[in-house]
Each structure stands twice: as C-alpha cells, then as structure tokens.
Amino acid sequence: MKTVLALTYSLLLALPLAAQTGTLKVKADPGRAGVFVDGKYLGPASNFGMSRTYTVAAGEHELKLADPRYQEIVTKVTIEAGKRSVVSQKMTALPVPKPPFGTIRTHSADKYAAVYINGKYYGHNDEFDNFAQGLLLPPGQYEVRIEPASGAPVVKTVTVVANQTVVVQ
C-alpha cells in the first residue's frame, strides 16, 4: 500500500512540471546543425537521419541553428505546454574555404559535447574524435572549448599547422 501511495504522490508531483513543458522537434538541413534554445546548446538537430526532440519550458524562446559551413538561423519559437512544436529549416551554404589546412581532433566522454572554436560552435565531439575524423582549419592559433552536457568544459589554446593534427581532450 505504501508503494502505491508513494507512486501516486510522485506522479502528482510530476504533473505540474509536465504541464509546464512542451517538446521541440527540429528538422534541419543539414542535420548536423547545432540546436540552441535561449543560448543553451541542446545537441545536434539529427543523428543518422532522425530528427531529434527536446523538452523545453512552455513560452516563447529564441531558437538558433548553427553549423560552420552554413549561415546561422535565429528565429523565435513558441512552445505550448503538453504539445509538440516542429521547426523545419534549410540553411544556406557558405563559400568553401581554400587550403592549406591543419586538423583538430577532440576527445570527450560525452559524444554530443559541443565543440567551439574561438567562441563559435563548430559541431559536436562525435564528429571530430577518431583517426578518420577531424576539423580542418587554416593554420593559426585557436581557442578550443569542449562543453559536455554535464561537468566542466575543457578550454585549450592550440596552434594549427598545415598538414598536421592537434588533439584536444
């Protein structure tokens, strides 16, 4: 009986919280675009062709889609309590940069940790974390920040040299 009462009480406590949130489904082209709500990184728009859904507080929010190869999109979205809002956006490609390039690879326990270069979002850790992957950048000095969903971010200043790889972990 105590278990049933405890479960009922827990469900009643959760109802007001559930009533104050809705979900946001983001369909972006490209799917690797980062989703930011009110400046907070939520993750990539999709993985493996599936659009992602995020729980968001009810009300009006600023939605930003960012990918270093495309123009950022910033728009307003209204989330209704208990409902799903769907946003579909196609981003406009930027001109392709010219070589020479060096490579930055990242390592983090959180595969969806946001990776920022000089304060700008470039993708998530899973895109830059193995021998066959990496972020190509022109030679120069960069501040790299890896920001996991929980825990402290890693911030390092690195020098990228043409045709060489720098690993940040």
C-alpha atoms as a PDB file:
ATOM      1  CA  MET A   1       0.000   0.000   0.000  1.00  0.00           C
ATOM      2  CA  LYS A   2       2.860   2.384   0.851  1.00  0.00           C
ATOM      3  CA  THR A   3       4.394   1.735  -2.576  1.00  0.00           C
ATOM      4  CA  VAL A   4       1.113   2.610  -4.329  1.00  0.00           C
ATOM      5  CA  LEU A   5       0.750   5.804  -2.285  1.00  0.00           C
ATOM      6  CA  ALA A   6       4.366   6.794  -2.936  1.00  0.00           C
ATOM      7  CA  LEU A   7       3.967   6.169  -6.672  1.00  0.00           C
ATOM      8  CA  THR A   8       0.698   8.139  -6.805  1.00  0.00           C
ATOM      9  CA  TYR A   9       2.299  11.017  -4.873  1.00  0.00           C
ATOM     10  CA  SER A  10       5.302  11.016  -7.227  1.00  0.00           C
ATOM     11  CA  LEU A  11       3.044  11.132 -10.275  1.00  0.00           C
ATOM     12  CA  LEU A  12       1.015  14.005  -8.812  1.00  0.00           C
ATOM     13  CA  LEU A  13       4.203  15.965  -8.154  1.00  0.00           C
ATOM     14  CA  ALA A  14       5.365  15.392 -11.734  1.00  0.00           C
ATOM     15  CA  LEU A  15       2.097  16.555 -13.336  1.00  0.00           C
ATOM     16  CA  PRO A  16       2.601  20.303 -12.776  1.00  0.00           C
ATOM     17  CA  LEU A  17       6.141  20.039 -14.192  1.00  0.00           C
ATOM     18  CA  ALA A  18       4.942  18.140 -17.291  1.00  0.00           C
ATOM     19  CA  ALA A  19       2.172  20.715 -17.800  1.00  0.00           C
ATOM     20  CA  GLN A  20       4.798  23.492 -17.904  1.00  0.00           C
ATOM     21  CA  THR A  21       6.818  21.976 -20.725  1.00  0.00           C
ATOM     22  CA  GLY A  22       6.312  21.008 -24.316  1.00  0.00           C
ATOM     23  CA  THR A  23       8.560  19.418 -26.885  1.00  0.00           C
ATOM     24  CA  LEU A  24      10.510  20.906 -29.744  1.00  0.00           C
ATOM     25  CA  LYS A  25      11.266  18.771 -32.775  1.00  0.00           C
ATOM     26  CA  VAL A  26      13.907  20.250 -35.065  1.00  0.00           C
ATOM     27  CA  LYS A  27      14.273  19.175 -38.682  1.00  0.00           C
ATOM     28  CA  ALA A  28      17.279  20.947 -40.123  1.00  0.00           C
ATOM     29  CA  ASP A  29      19.166  20.647 -43.375  1.00  0.00           C
ATOM     30  CA  PRO A  30      21.998  19.935 -42.666  1.00  0.00           C
ATOM     31  CA  GLY A  31      21.082  17.568 -39.837  1.00  0.00           C
ATOM     32  CA  ARG A  32      24.390  18.087 -38.041  1.00  0.00           C
ATOM     33  CA  ALA A  33      23.446  21.699 -37.240  1.00  0.00           C
ATOM     34  CA  GLY A  34      23.623  22.523 -33.539  1.00  0.00           C
ATOM     35  CA  VAL A  35      20.354  23.419 -31.818  1.00  0.00           C
ATOM     36  CA  PHE A  36      20.454  26.264 -29.285  1.00  0.00           C
ATOM     37  CA  VAL A  37      17.434  27.419 -27.275  1.00  0.00           C
ATOM     38  CA  ASP A  38      17.884  30.719 -25.460  1.00  0.00           C
ATOM     39  CA  GLY A  39      21.646  30.381 -25.994  1.00  0.00           C
ATOM     40  CA  LYS A  40      21.884  26.893 -24.432  1.00  0.00           C
ATOM     41  CA  TYR A  41      23.225  24.100 -26.621  1.00  0.00           C
ATOM     42  CA  LEU A  42      20.793  21.156 -26.725  1.00  0.00           C
ATOM     43  CA  GLY A  43      22.572  18.944 -29.248  1.00  0.00           C
ATOM     44  CA  PRO A  44      22.636  18.241 -32.966  1.00  0.00           C
ATOM     45  CA  ALA A  45      19.396  18.560 -34.936  1.00  0.00           C
ATOM     46  CA  SER A  46      19.554  14.945 -36.055  1.00  0.00           C
ATOM     47  CA  ASN A  47      21.687  11.880 -35.987  1.00  0.00           C
ATOM     48  CA  PHE A  48      21.612   9.149 -38.571  1.00  0.00           C
ATOM     49  CA  GLY A  49      18.735  10.798 -40.447  1.00  0.00           C
ATOM     50  CA  MET A  50      16.345  11.014 -37.473  1.00  0.00           C
ATOM     51  CA  SER A  51      15.258  14.455 -36.267  1.00  0.00           C
ATOM     52  CA  ARG A  52      15.610  14.949 -32.520  1.00  0.00           C
ATOM     53  CA  THR A  53      13.007  16.063 -29.989  1.00  0.00           C
ATOM     54  CA  TYR A  54      13.854  18.231 -26.972  1.00  0.00           C
ATOM     55  CA  THR A  55      11.809  19.030 -23.842  1.00  0.00           C
ATOM     56  CA  VAL A  56      11.529  22.810 -23.454  1.00  0.00           C
ATOM     57  CA  ALA A  57       9.718  25.073 -20.970  1.00  0.00           C
ATOM     58  CA  ALA A  58       6.427  26.471 -22.259  1.00  0.00           C
ATOM     59  CA  GLY A  59       6.630  30.018 -23.628  1.00  0.00           C
ATOM     60  CA  GLU A  60       8.481  31.970 -26.313  1.00  0.00           C
ATOM     61  CA  HIS A  61      12.127  31.104 -26.929  1.00  0.00           C
ATOM     62  CA  GLU A  62      14.956  32.069 -29.255  1.00  0.00           C
ATOM     63  CA  LEU A  63      15.998  29.137 -31.454  1.00  0.00           C
ATOM     64  CA  LYS A  64      19.374  29.189 -33.176  1.00  0.00           C
ATOM     65  CA  LEU A  65      20.690  26.643 -35.674  1.00  0.00           C
ATOM     66  CA  ALA A  66      24.449  26.788 -36.200  1.00  0.00           C
ATOM     67  CA  ASP A  67      26.857  24.958 -38.482  1.00  0.00           C
ATOM     68  CA  PRO A  68      30.217  26.434 -39.520  1.00  0.00           C
ATOM     69  CA  ARG A  69      29.578  25.673 -43.195  1.00  0.00           C
ATOM     70  CA  TYR A  70      26.208  27.498 -43.273  1.00  0.00           C
ATOM     71  CA  GLN A  71      24.669  30.840 -42.348  1.00  0.00           C
ATOM     72  CA  GLU A  72      23.208  30.702 -38.839  1.00  0.00           C
ATOM     73  CA  ILE A  73      19.450  30.805 -38.470  1.00  0.00           C
ATOM     74  CA  VAL A  74      17.933  32.624 -35.495  1.00  0.00           C
ATOM     75  CA  THR A  75      14.168  32.613 -35.034  1.00  0.00           C
ATOM     76  CA  LYS A  76      11.512  32.710 -32.337  1.00  0.00           C
ATOM     77  CA  VAL A  77       9.522  29.620 -31.408  1.00  0.00           C
ATOM     78  CA  THR A  78       6.541  29.346 -29.067  1.00  0.00           C
ATOM     79  CA  ILE A  79       6.286  26.152 -27.045  1.00  0.00           C
ATOM     80  CA  GLU A  80       2.834  25.241 -25.749  1.00  0.00           C
ATOM     81  CA  ALA A  81       2.566  23.172 -22.576  1.00  0.00           C
ATOM     82  CA  GLY A  82       1.988  19.491 -23.304  1.00  0.00           C
ATOM     83  CA  LYS A  83       2.295  19.961 -27.087  1.00  0.00           C
ATOM     84  CA  ARG A  84       4.951  19.361 -29.727  1.00  0.00           C
ATOM     85  CA  SER A  85       6.253  22.210 -31.853  1.00  0.00           C
ATOM     86  CA  VAL A  86       8.038  21.293 -35.085  1.00  0.00           C
ATOM     87  CA  VAL A  87      10.549  23.595 -36.745  1.00  0.00           C
ATOM     88  CA  SER A  88      11.898  22.807 -40.223  1.00  0.00           C
ATOM     89  CA  GLN A  89      14.733  24.895 -41.656  1.00  0.00           C
ATOM     90  CA  LYS A  90      17.077  24.650 -44.643  1.00  0.00           C
ATOM     91  CA  MET A  91      20.334  26.500 -44.057  1.00  0.00           C
ATOM     92  CA  THR A  92      22.223  28.432 -46.766  1.00  0.00           C
ATOM     93  CA  ALA A  93      25.744  27.171 -47.543  1.00  0.00           C
ATOM     94  CA  LEU A  94      28.737  29.495 -47.131  1.00  0.00           C
ATOM     95  CA  PRO A  95      31.629  29.595 -49.659  1.00  0.00           C
ATOM     96  CA  VAL A  96      34.065  26.668 -49.366  1.00  0.00           C
ATOM     97  CA  PRO A  97      37.365  27.708 -47.689  1.00  0.00           C
ATOM     98  CA  LYS A  98      40.667  27.260 -49.526  1.00  0.00           C
ATOM     99  CA  PRO A  99      43.598  25.109 -48.261  1.00  0.00           C
ATOM    100  CA  PRO A 100      46.126  24.688 -46.687  1.00  0.00           C
ATOM    101  CA  PHE A 101      44.538  23.124 -43.600  1.00  0.00           C
ATOM    102  CA  GLY A 102      45.597  21.544 -40.345  1.00  0.00           C
ATOM    103  CA  THR A 103      43.333  19.265 -38.311  1.00  0.00           C
ATOM    104  CA  ILE A 104      41.889  19.469 -34.808  1.00  0.00           C
ATOM    105  CA  ARG A 105      40.619  16.247 -33.223  1.00  0.00           C
ATOM    106  CA  THR A 106      38.691  16.238 -29.949  1.00  0.00           C
ATOM    107  CA  HIS A 107      38.156  13.654 -27.208  1.00  0.00           C
ATOM    108  CA  SER A 108      35.399  13.762 -24.582  1.00  0.00           C
ATOM    109  CA  ALA A 109      33.385  11.155 -22.679  1.00  0.00           C
ATOM    110  CA  ASP A 110      30.244  12.974 -23.914  1.00  0.00           C
ATOM    111  CA  LYS A 111      29.947  12.237 -27.636  1.00  0.00           C
ATOM    112  CA  TYR A 112      27.491  15.127 -28.063  1.00  0.00           C
ATOM    113  CA  ALA A 113      29.657  17.652 -26.194  1.00  0.00           C
ATOM    114  CA  ALA A 114      29.588  20.938 -28.097  1.00  0.00           C
ATOM    115  CA  VAL A 115      32.866  21.963 -29.746  1.00  0.00           C
ATOM    116  CA  TYR A 116      33.567  25.692 -30.067  1.00  0.00           C
ATOM    117  CA  ILE A 117      36.469  27.300 -31.919  1.00  0.00           C
ATOM    118  CA  ASN A 118      37.185  30.910 -30.917  1.00  0.00           C
ATOM    119  CA  GLY A 119      33.723  31.054 -29.316  1.00  0.00           C
ATOM    120  CA  LYS A 120      31.834  29.814 -32.391  1.00  0.00           C
ATOM    121  CA  TYR A 121      30.011  26.467 -32.476  1.00  0.00           C
ATOM    122  CA  TYR A 122      31.620  24.007 -34.924  1.00  0.00           C
ATOM    123  CA  GLY A 123      29.897  20.721 -34.132  1.00  0.00           C
ATOM    124  CA  HIS A 124      29.834  18.001 -31.519  1.00  0.00           C
ATOM    125  CA  ASN A 125      32.639  15.802 -30.242  1.00  0.00           C
ATOM    126  CA  ASP A 126      31.471  12.668 -32.071  1.00  0.00           C
ATOM    127  CA  GLU A 127      32.274  14.377 -35.390  1.00  0.00           C
ATOM    128  CA  PHE A 128      35.934  15.030 -34.558  1.00  0.00           C
ATOM    129  CA  ASP A 129      37.036  12.199 -32.273  1.00  0.00           C
ATOM    130  CA  ASN A 130      38.740   9.427 -34.230  1.00  0.00           C
ATOM    131  CA  PHE A 131      41.620   8.900 -36.643  1.00  0.00           C
ATOM    132  CA  ALA A 132      39.374   9.267 -39.708  1.00  0.00           C
ATOM    133  CA  GLN A 133      37.673  12.446 -38.498  1.00  0.00           C
ATOM    134  CA  GLY A 134      38.772  15.932 -37.630  1.00  0.00           C
ATOM    135  CA  LEU A 135      38.056  19.588 -38.063  1.00  0.00           C
ATOM    136  CA  LEU A 136      40.023  21.185 -40.909  1.00  0.00           C
ATOM    137  CA  LEU A 137      41.146  24.743 -40.189  1.00  0.00           C
ATOM    138  CA  PRO A 138      43.626  27.161 -41.767  1.00  0.00           C
ATOM    139  CA  PRO A 139      46.978  27.371 -39.935  1.00  0.00           C
ATOM    140  CA  GLY A 140      46.864  29.651 -36.896  1.00  0.00           C
ATOM    141  CA  GLN A 141      46.157  29.842 -33.186  1.00  0.00           C
ATOM    142  CA  TYR A 142      42.711  28.867 -31.880  1.00  0.00           C
ATOM    143  CA  GLU A 143      40.890  28.608 -28.571  1.00  0.00           C
ATOM    144  CA  VAL A 144      39.107  25.234 -28.466  1.00  0.00           C
ATOM    145  CA  ARG A 145      36.295  24.676 -25.955  1.00  0.00           C
ATOM    146  CA  ILE A 146      34.669  21.269 -25.481  1.00  0.00           C
ATOM    147  CA  GLU A 147      31.474  21.684 -23.472  1.00  0.00           C
ATOM    148  CA  PRO A 148      29.818  18.464 -22.231  1.00  0.00           C
ATOM    149  CA  ALA A 149      26.160  18.349 -21.134  1.00  0.00           C
ATOM    150  CA  SER A 150      27.358  17.922 -17.553  1.00  0.00           C
ATOM    151  CA  GLY A 151      30.708  18.635 -15.993  1.00  0.00           C
ATOM    152  CA  ALA A 152      33.274  21.311 -16.591  1.00  0.00           C
ATOM    153  CA  PRO A 153      34.187  22.432 -20.100  1.00  0.00           C
ATOM    154  CA  VAL A 154      37.707  21.878 -21.423  1.00  0.00           C
ATOM    155  CA  VAL A 155      39.337  25.027 -22.819  1.00  0.00           C
ATOM    156  CA  LYS A 156      42.717  24.954 -24.558  1.00  0.00           C
ATOM    157  CA  THR A 157      44.627  27.245 -26.873  1.00  0.00           C
ATOM    158  CA  VAL A 158      46.232  25.328 -29.739  1.00  0.00           C
ATOM    159  CA  THR A 159      48.329  26.129 -32.776  1.00  0.00           C
ATOM    160  CA  VAL A 160      47.194  24.517 -36.013  1.00  0.00           C
ATOM    161  CA  VAL A 161      49.956  23.770 -38.527  1.00  0.00           C
ATOM    162  CA  ALA A 162      49.268  22.876 -42.163  1.00  0.00           C
ATOM    163  CA  ASN A 163      49.044  19.104 -42.765  1.00  0.00           C
ATOM    164  CA  GLN A 164      49.363  18.270 -39.045  1.00  0.00           C
ATOM    165  CA  THR A 165      46.838  17.146 -36.410  1.00  0.00           C
ATOM    166  CA  VAL A 166      46.317  18.597 -32.922  1.00  0.00           C
ATOM    167  CA  VAL A 167      44.342  16.558 -30.364  1.00  0.00           C
ATOM    168  CA  VAL A 168      42.335  18.354 -27.638  1.00  0.00           C
ATOM    169  CA  GLN A 169      40.988  16.328 -24.714  1.00  0.00           C
END
